[in-house]
Protein backbone atom coordinates (compact mmCIF):
# COMPACT_ATOMS: atom_id res chain seq x y z
CA MET A 1 -59.27 -7.41 -17.22
CA ASP A 2 -60.02 -10.13 -20.59
CA TRP A 3 -57.57 -12.39 -19.20
CA PRO A 4 -59.12 -15.19 -21.32
CA ALA A 5 -58.26 -13.19 -24.38
CA GLN A 6 -55.14 -11.84 -23.37
CA ASP A 7 -53.60 -16.06 -22.42
CA PRO A 8 -56.00 -17.98 -24.39
CA ALA A 9 -54.04 -20.99 -23.78
CA ARG A 10 -54.85 -20.83 -19.90
CA ALA A 11 -58.08 -20.15 -20.88
CA ALA A 12 -58.60 -22.98 -22.45
CA TRP A 13 -57.22 -25.38 -19.85
CA VAL A 14 -59.72 -23.54 -17.24
CA ARG A 15 -62.73 -24.26 -19.99
CA GLU A 16 -61.57 -28.24 -19.79
CA HIS A 17 -60.79 -28.83 -16.52
CA GLN A 18 -63.46 -26.55 -14.79
CA PRO A 19 -61.55 -26.11 -11.52
CA HIS A 20 -64.18 -25.31 -8.84
CA SER A 21 -61.58 -23.77 -6.18
CA PHE A 22 -58.49 -21.55 -6.58
CA LEU A 23 -55.30 -20.42 -4.48
CA VAL A 24 -53.23 -17.48 -5.44
CA ALA A 25 -49.33 -17.14 -3.49
CA PRO A 26 -47.15 -14.44 -4.34
CA LEU A 27 -43.56 -15.34 -5.44
CA ARG A 28 -41.74 -12.76 -3.94
CA ALA A 29 -37.74 -12.36 -3.01
CA ARG A 30 -35.48 -10.26 -1.92
CA GLY A 31 -38.45 -7.67 -1.71
CA THR A 32 -39.22 -8.33 -5.89
CA ASN A 33 -42.24 -9.42 -7.04
CA LEU A 34 -41.89 -12.21 -9.42
CA GLY A 35 -45.43 -13.32 -10.09
CA VAL A 36 -47.57 -15.62 -8.53
CA ALA A 37 -47.99 -19.27 -8.18
CA VAL A 38 -51.99 -20.63 -9.03
CA PHE A 39 -53.14 -23.71 -6.92
CA THR A 40 -56.31 -24.88 -8.57
CA ARG A 41 -58.56 -28.48 -7.95
CA PRO A 42 -60.46 -29.20 -10.95
CA ALA A 43 -64.56 -30.35 -11.08
CA ARG A 44 -63.82 -33.77 -11.70
CA SER A 45 -61.55 -34.12 -8.39
CA ALA A 46 -63.13 -35.35 -5.32
CA ALA A 47 -60.90 -32.80 -2.93
CA PRO A 48 -63.01 -30.39 -1.33
CA PRO A 49 -62.13 -26.73 -1.88
CA PHE A 50 -59.22 -25.09 -0.56
CA GLU A 51 -59.10 -23.86 3.61
CA PRO A 52 -56.84 -21.91 5.33
CA ALA A 53 -54.60 -24.39 6.05
CA ASP A 54 -53.52 -25.02 2.30
CA LEU A 55 -53.06 -20.89 1.77
CA GLN A 56 -50.16 -21.79 4.54
CA ILE A 57 -48.57 -24.55 2.52
CA ALA A 58 -48.57 -22.76 -0.57
CA VAL A 59 -47.05 -19.45 0.19
CA LYS A 60 -44.31 -21.56 2.07
CA LEU A 61 -43.93 -23.38 -1.27
CA ALA A 62 -44.41 -20.01 -3.49
CA GLY A 63 -41.84 -18.11 -1.16
CA ARG A 64 -39.08 -20.94 -1.94
CA ALA A 65 -39.76 -21.31 -5.82
CA ALA A 66 -39.26 -17.61 -5.74
CA VAL A 67 -36.06 -17.64 -4.20
CA CYS A 68 -35.26 -20.39 -6.79
CA ILE A 69 -36.03 -18.12 -9.55
CA ASP A 70 -34.45 -15.36 -8.20
CA ASN A 71 -31.21 -16.97 -7.87
CA ALA A 72 -31.44 -18.30 -11.27
CA ARG A 73 -32.10 -14.70 -12.63
CA ARG A 74 -29.09 -13.19 -10.62
CA TYR A 75 -26.81 -16.13 -11.95
CA THR A 76 -27.87 -15.76 -15.68
CA ARG A 77 -27.24 -12.14 -14.97
CA GLU A 78 -23.89 -12.48 -13.36
CA HIS A 79 -22.86 -15.16 -16.31
CA GLY A 80 -23.92 -12.50 -19.20
CA ILE A 81 -22.20 -9.55 -17.67
CA ALA A 82 -18.96 -11.85 -17.03
CA LEU A 83 -19.51 -12.77 -20.57
CA ALA A 84 -19.76 -9.23 -21.96
CA LEU A 85 -16.54 -8.49 -20.03
CA GLN A 86 -14.65 -10.82 -20.78
CA GLN A 87 -15.33 -10.66 -24.33
CA SER A 88 -14.52 -6.91 -24.21
CA LEU A 89 -11.00 -7.72 -22.69
CA LEU A 90 -10.10 -10.42 -25.54
CA PRO A 91 -8.31 -8.12 -28.64
CA GLN A 92 -10.84 -7.30 -31.05
CA ARG A 93 -8.58 -7.33 -33.56
CA LEU A 94 -4.60 -8.81 -33.58
CA PRO A 95 -2.61 -6.31 -34.49
CA ALA A 96 -0.91 -6.35 -37.57
CA GLN A 97 3.11 -7.31 -37.70
CA ALA A 98 5.97 -8.67 -39.78
CA ALA A 99 6.82 -11.78 -37.07
CA VAL A 100 4.28 -13.85 -37.00
CA GLU A 101 0.46 -14.65 -38.62
CA VAL A 102 -1.79 -15.38 -36.04
CA ALA A 103 -5.21 -16.66 -35.28
CA GLY A 104 -6.78 -16.59 -31.67
CA ARG A 105 -9.97 -18.05 -30.32
CA TYR A 106 -11.87 -18.13 -26.65
CA LEU A 107 -14.47 -20.58 -26.14
CA PRO A 108 -16.50 -20.30 -22.80
CA ALA A 109 -17.29 -23.61 -20.54
CA GLY A 110 -19.93 -25.72 -20.96
CA SER A 111 -22.71 -22.61 -22.38
CA PRO A 112 -22.33 -19.04 -23.94
CA SER A 113 -23.54 -18.05 -20.46
CA VAL A 114 -20.60 -18.70 -18.70
CA ALA A 115 -17.33 -17.25 -18.65
CA GLY A 116 -13.91 -18.02 -17.25
CA GLY A 117 -10.79 -16.28 -16.67
CA ASP A 118 -8.50 -17.85 -19.77
CA ARG A 119 -6.81 -15.32 -22.08
CA PHE A 120 -4.54 -14.64 -25.14
CA ASP A 121 -3.13 -11.49 -26.37
CA VAL A 122 -0.25 -10.51 -28.96
CA ILE A 123 2.08 -7.60 -28.35
CA PRO A 124 3.76 -5.79 -31.03
CA LEU A 125 7.67 -5.07 -29.50
CA SER A 126 10.83 -3.15 -31.01
CA GLY A 127 12.89 -4.45 -33.38
CA ALA A 128 10.08 -6.17 -35.32
CA ARG A 129 9.46 -8.27 -32.74
CA VAL A 130 6.18 -9.58 -31.14
CA ALA A 131 5.06 -11.17 -27.55
CA SER A 132 2.00 -13.69 -27.35
CA VAL A 133 0.47 -14.37 -24.53
CA VAL A 134 -1.94 -17.01 -22.89
CA GLY A 135 -2.71 -17.34 -19.20
CA ASP A 136 -5.54 -18.69 -16.75
CA VAL A 137 -7.15 -16.95 -13.59
CA SER A 138 -8.87 -20.31 -11.95
CA GLY A 139 -12.84 -19.82 -11.30
CA TYR A 140 -15.34 -17.98 -13.38
CA GLY A 141 -17.75 -15.17 -13.48
CA ILE A 142 -17.13 -11.78 -13.03
CA HIS A 143 -14.60 -11.91 -10.61
CA ALA A 144 -12.40 -14.19 -13.09
CA SER A 145 -13.11 -12.09 -15.76
CA ALA A 146 -12.39 -8.67 -13.94
CA THR A 147 -8.84 -10.04 -12.40
CA MET A 148 -7.96 -11.49 -16.06
CA GLY A 149 -8.50 -7.71 -17.83
CA ARG A 150 -6.51 -6.37 -14.55
CA LEU A 151 -3.58 -8.87 -15.45
CA ARG A 152 -3.84 -8.34 -19.58
CA MET A 153 -3.35 -4.36 -18.85
CA ALA A 154 -0.53 -5.55 -16.57
CA VAL A 155 0.94 -7.34 -19.14
CA ARG A 156 0.99 -5.24 -22.06
CA THR A 157 2.13 -2.06 -19.84
CA LEU A 158 5.13 -4.53 -18.45
CA ALA A 159 5.86 -5.36 -22.43
CA ASP A 160 6.41 -1.60 -23.07
CA VAL A 161 8.78 -2.19 -20.65
CA ASP A 162 10.89 -4.14 -23.27
CA LEU A 163 11.39 -7.09 -20.38
CA ALA A 164 12.55 -10.38 -20.98
CA PRO A 165 10.11 -13.00 -20.23
CA ASP A 166 11.21 -14.69 -17.01
CA GLU A 167 11.51 -10.98 -15.79
CA LEU A 168 7.96 -9.56 -17.13
CA LEU A 169 6.62 -12.97 -15.38
CA SER A 170 8.56 -11.92 -11.97
CA HIS A 171 6.74 -8.74 -11.84
CA LEU A 172 3.77 -10.08 -12.74
CA GLU A 173 3.96 -12.19 -9.61
CA ASP A 174 4.63 -9.35 -7.46
CA LEU A 175 1.95 -7.61 -8.56
CA VAL A 176 -0.88 -10.54 -8.07
CA ILE A 177 0.64 -10.52 -4.24
CA ARG A 178 0.47 -7.11 -3.66
CA LEU A 179 -3.12 -7.15 -5.51
CA ASP A 180 -4.16 -10.39 -2.99
CA ALA A 181 -2.60 -8.48 0.02
CA ASP A 182 -4.83 -5.32 -0.59
CA SER A 183 -8.43 -7.29 -1.13
CA GLY A 184 -7.91 -8.40 2.39
CA SER A 185 -10.58 -10.81 3.26
CA ARG A 186 -12.31 -10.53 -0.24
CA GLU A 187 -11.56 -12.93 -2.90
CA ARG A 188 -8.14 -13.19 -3.53
CA ILE A 189 -6.72 -12.36 -7.15
CA ALA A 190 -4.96 -15.78 -7.34
CA GLY A 191 -7.54 -17.87 -5.66
CA ALA A 192 -6.30 -21.47 -4.24
CA TYR A 193 -4.68 -22.66 -7.44
CA GLY A 194 -2.38 -19.08 -8.38
CA VAL A 195 -2.36 -17.90 -12.00
CA SER A 196 -1.02 -19.56 -15.00
CA CYS A 197 0.67 -17.29 -17.71
CA LEU A 198 2.97 -18.32 -20.61
CA TYR A 199 4.93 -15.38 -21.87
CA ALA A 200 6.77 -15.75 -25.41
CA ILE A 201 8.92 -13.16 -27.51
CA TYR A 202 9.81 -14.23 -31.39
CA ASP A 203 12.51 -12.50 -33.15
CA PRO A 204 11.94 -12.70 -36.89
CA VAL A 205 15.24 -11.42 -37.48
CA SER A 206 17.04 -14.03 -35.34
CA ARG A 207 14.31 -16.73 -35.99
CA THR A 208 14.52 -17.49 -32.30
CA CYS A 209 11.87 -17.79 -29.60
CA THR A 210 12.21 -16.83 -25.88
CA LEU A 211 9.64 -18.20 -23.54
CA ALA A 212 8.69 -18.42 -19.81
CA SER A 213 6.18 -20.13 -18.01
CA ALA A 214 4.42 -20.07 -14.77
CA ASP A 215 2.78 -23.31 -14.02
CA HIS A 216 1.62 -22.99 -17.95
CA PRO A 217 1.25 -25.81 -20.36
CA ALA A 218 4.12 -25.91 -22.65
CA PRO A 219 3.35 -24.92 -26.41
CA VAL A 220 3.93 -26.99 -29.59
CA LEU A 221 6.02 -26.09 -32.22
CA VAL A 222 5.11 -27.75 -35.92
CA THR A 223 8.19 -27.54 -38.52
CA PRO A 224 7.50 -27.10 -41.96
CA GLU A 225 8.47 -30.70 -42.03
CA GLY A 226 5.39 -31.60 -40.26
CA THR A 227 7.05 -32.52 -36.96
CA ALA A 228 5.09 -31.86 -33.87
CA ASP A 229 6.79 -31.66 -30.30
CA LEU A 230 6.39 -29.73 -26.92
CA LEU A 231 8.95 -27.07 -26.32
CA GLY A 232 10.32 -28.43 -23.29
CA LEU A 233 10.85 -25.37 -21.25
CA PRO A 234 10.94 -25.31 -17.79
CA MET A 235 7.48 -24.75 -15.35
CA GLY A 236 8.01 -22.01 -13.09
CA PRO A 237 5.32 -22.09 -10.12
CA PRO A 238 1.55 -20.45 -10.53
CA LEU A 239 1.74 -16.14 -10.08
CA GLY A 240 0.90 -15.85 -6.41
CA LEU A 241 1.83 -19.04 -5.36
CA GLY A 242 5.41 -19.24 -5.89
CA GLY A 243 6.55 -18.05 -3.03
CA GLY A 244 9.58 -16.22 -3.90
CA LEU A 245 11.01 -19.07 -6.33
CA PRO A 246 12.55 -18.34 -9.60
CA ILE A 247 10.97 -18.49 -12.88
CA GLU A 248 13.68 -19.74 -15.86
CA CYS A 249 13.49 -18.43 -19.73
CA SER A 250 14.24 -20.87 -22.64
CA ALA A 251 15.18 -19.86 -25.97
CA PHE A 252 14.92 -22.05 -29.03
CA GLU A 253 15.31 -21.56 -33.00
CA VAL A 254 12.29 -21.83 -34.66
CA PRO A 255 12.70 -22.64 -38.67
CA GLN A 256 10.94 -19.99 -41.03
CA GLY A 257 6.97 -21.05 -42.02
CA SER A 258 7.06 -23.27 -38.41
CA PHE A 259 3.29 -23.33 -36.20
CA LEU A 260 3.53 -22.43 -32.58
CA ALA A 261 0.37 -23.22 -30.52
CA LEU A 262 -0.35 -21.68 -27.19
CA TYR A 263 -3.27 -22.93 -25.36
CA THR A 264 -4.68 -23.26 -21.82
CA ASP A 265 -5.50 -26.26 -20.18
CA GLY A 266 -8.94 -26.60 -20.99
CA LEU A 267 -7.77 -27.63 -24.26
CA VAL A 268 -6.12 -30.63 -23.57
CA VAL A 269 -7.31 -31.92 -19.84
CA ASP A 270 -11.12 -32.87 -19.46
CA ALA A 271 -12.78 -36.17 -17.33
CA HIS A 272 -11.25 -38.59 -19.57
CA ARG A 273 -7.68 -37.75 -20.28
CA ASP A 274 -4.91 -35.89 -18.17
CA VAL A 275 -2.49 -32.95 -19.47
CA THR A 276 -0.12 -35.64 -20.95
CA GLU A 277 -2.31 -37.36 -22.64
CA GLY A 278 -3.89 -34.48 -23.74
CA GLN A 279 -0.53 -32.70 -25.16
CA ASP A 280 -0.12 -36.13 -27.45
CA SER A 281 -3.09 -35.81 -28.82
CA LEU A 282 -2.60 -32.27 -29.63
CA ARG A 283 0.58 -32.97 -31.14
CA THR A 284 -1.09 -35.64 -33.18
CA VAL A 285 -3.84 -33.45 -34.40
CA LEU A 286 -1.27 -30.42 -35.35
CA ALA A 287 0.85 -32.49 -37.34
CA ALA A 288 -1.71 -33.54 -39.51
CA VAL A 289 -3.32 -30.53 -40.10
CA VAL A 290 -2.26 -28.10 -43.10
CA GLY A 291 -4.15 -25.08 -44.12
CA PRO A 292 -4.94 -21.67 -43.13
CA LEU A 293 -4.61 -20.82 -39.59
CA GLU A 294 -8.22 -20.15 -38.52
CA SER A 295 -9.44 -23.37 -40.17
CA THR A 296 -6.39 -25.44 -38.38
CA GLY A 297 -7.50 -23.62 -35.33
CA ASP A 298 -11.14 -24.53 -35.82
CA THR A 299 -10.30 -28.10 -36.57
CA VAL A 300 -8.27 -28.42 -33.21
CA LEU A 301 -11.09 -27.21 -31.30
CA LYS A 302 -13.77 -29.77 -33.13
CA THR A 303 -11.13 -32.52 -32.84
CA MET A 304 -10.07 -31.89 -29.01
CA LEU A 305 -13.03 -30.72 -27.58
CA ALA A 306 -16.66 -32.02 -26.54
CA GLU A 307 -19.69 -30.32 -27.51
CA ARG A 308 -20.01 -28.69 -24.11
CA PRO A 309 -16.44 -28.60 -22.63
CA ALA A 310 -16.17 -28.53 -18.89
CA ASP A 311 -13.72 -25.98 -18.73
CA ASP A 312 -13.06 -22.33 -21.09
CA VAL A 313 -10.62 -22.47 -23.71
CA ALA A 314 -7.47 -19.65 -24.90
CA ARG A 315 -6.07 -20.75 -28.19
CA LEU A 316 -3.17 -19.23 -30.13
CA ILE A 317 -1.60 -20.32 -32.95
CA ALA A 318 1.21 -18.12 -34.95
CA ARG A 319 3.04 -18.89 -38.31
CA THR A 320 6.55 -17.60 -37.71
CA GLN A 321 8.14 -15.17 -40.65
CA ALA A 322 11.58 -14.09 -41.26
CA LEU A 323 12.78 -10.85 -42.20
CA ASP A 324 15.29 -10.94 -45.17
CA ALA A 325 18.78 -9.84 -44.30
CA SER A 326 17.91 -6.96 -47.20
CA GLN A 327 15.18 -5.68 -44.41
CA VAL A 328 17.66 -5.63 -41.73
CA ALA A 329 20.49 -3.55 -40.66
CA VAL A 330 22.66 -3.66 -37.62
CA LEU A 331 24.61 -1.51 -35.96
CA ASP A 332 27.14 -2.27 -33.04
CA LEU A 333 26.89 0.48 -30.30
CA PRO A 334 29.74 0.60 -27.27
CA ALA A 335 28.16 0.95 -23.61
CA ASP A 336 27.87 4.53 -23.71
CA PRO A 337 24.87 7.15 -23.85
CA ALA A 338 26.69 9.24 -25.97
CA VAL A 339 26.21 6.85 -28.77
CA VAL A 340 22.28 7.52 -29.07
CA ALA A 341 22.10 10.49 -31.27
CA ALA A 342 24.97 8.89 -33.80
CA ALA A 343 22.51 6.05 -33.58
CA ARG A 344 19.59 8.09 -34.58
CA SER A 345 21.66 9.53 -37.37
CA TRP A 346 22.84 6.36 -39.02
CA ALA A 347 19.17 5.21 -38.87
CA SER A 348 18.19 8.35 -40.50
CA ALA A 349 20.44 8.07 -43.07
CA ARG A 350 18.91 4.54 -43.78
CA SER A 351 15.47 5.58 -44.06
CA GLY A 352 16.16 8.67 -47.35
CA PRO A 353 15.10 8.48 -50.56
CA GLY A 354 16.40 6.08 -52.41
CA THR A 355 16.71 3.68 -49.26
CA TRP A 356 14.31 2.05 -47.02
CA THR A 357 10.74 3.35 -47.24
CA ILE A 358 9.64 4.10 -43.50
CA SER A 359 6.66 5.35 -42.30
CA ALA A 360 7.14 7.29 -38.44
CA SER A 361 3.47 6.08 -37.72
CA SER A 362 4.22 2.27 -38.38
CA PRO A 363 4.49 0.49 -34.91
CA ASN A 364 7.89 -0.57 -34.16
CA TRP A 365 9.24 1.48 -37.43
CA TRP A 366 12.55 1.39 -35.66
CA SER A 367 14.51 0.62 -32.43
CA ALA A 368 17.72 1.40 -30.61
CA SER A 369 18.37 0.51 -27.28
CA TRP A 370 21.49 0.79 -24.95
CA SER A 371 22.28 -0.75 -21.77
CA PRO A 372 25.04 -0.48 -19.55
CA THR A 373 27.36 -3.83 -19.55
CA PRO A 374 29.95 -4.70 -17.42
CA SER A 375 33.33 -3.91 -18.61
CA GLY A 376 35.38 -5.95 -21.15
CA THR A 377 32.24 -7.28 -22.74
CA ALA A 378 30.81 -7.18 -26.37
CA PRO A 379 28.97 -3.97 -27.03
CA ARG A 380 24.89 -4.93 -27.67
CA PRO A 381 23.83 -4.21 -31.08
CA ALA A 382 21.18 -2.30 -32.40
CA ASP A 383 18.62 -4.02 -34.67
CA PHE A 384 16.70 -1.48 -37.22
CA GLY A 385 14.06 -3.72 -39.12
């Protein structure tokens, strides 16, 4: 083999140093040949040629080096897979809906090769409402990313049932406990610190936001006047570690055109500040930023994060919209399943020629819901938006 022609840099080194003795040891780890380690003694050195004892030392050194090299290769491969899995499970395009304008972003920790369990999602609901979700699975790597994906699918399935935020998180808590029980001695879903999640539903008709938190930082509300405050909702226990403790729900009026900033703790907590200091800084940044959502979100990340953040970050910023009275019709229905047909007829009459232009293929084009209520209570209205 004409190796000098194939490796001119090494050939030049050999010609310059003129080694009088070579020793070659294989780099082999876990049954895989990774290459060879070459030891030389140049001609100007007073050292004698290599001996059999030198070969034994070289083989041991090469063996340890091979294990280190293979560990680095496996680490890089695993985290590359984890990052690809994480990116595939995040929403590639946030759904179009009338309730909020949204901008979401995920940043891995430290470098692009490290993926964690932070996530965000936006889920259109019936009645023109929309759910926003942020969550954090402790840990990094394939396990954290896969767990995040399983919980994201569970949240979407539970959201289709139209549960209140506290009910949804309670069902998610039960799921995490069952998954942990099924995992046996393998790595637990909840890990040592559990899973945090914030689930919020915004209603553009009533202009209210209903939220529940499982050990997740409170969102920041920025009003059109520029005031930025944390929403004072009660924080429930982490999913998987709650021990049956209840998760409470809170509702807030949200003026049209307000910003809601949802985020994971990696945005506000680092080695130099605790969560309170970080949230104060976030409020200050959001109160001073004016502009499109994407640029607002980018400004928040650049201001709040170091060049190489220690933890991964998910952030979701939503600007609230409101439906005008001309876009909404309300029908009060008694607590009787027989009224469903009448409700459909009523809705159809308002979607004909000369009335509203409604496409049946559009998401949430109309919804009528009935639920039994105790005798003597007010009927539940059906909203059509």
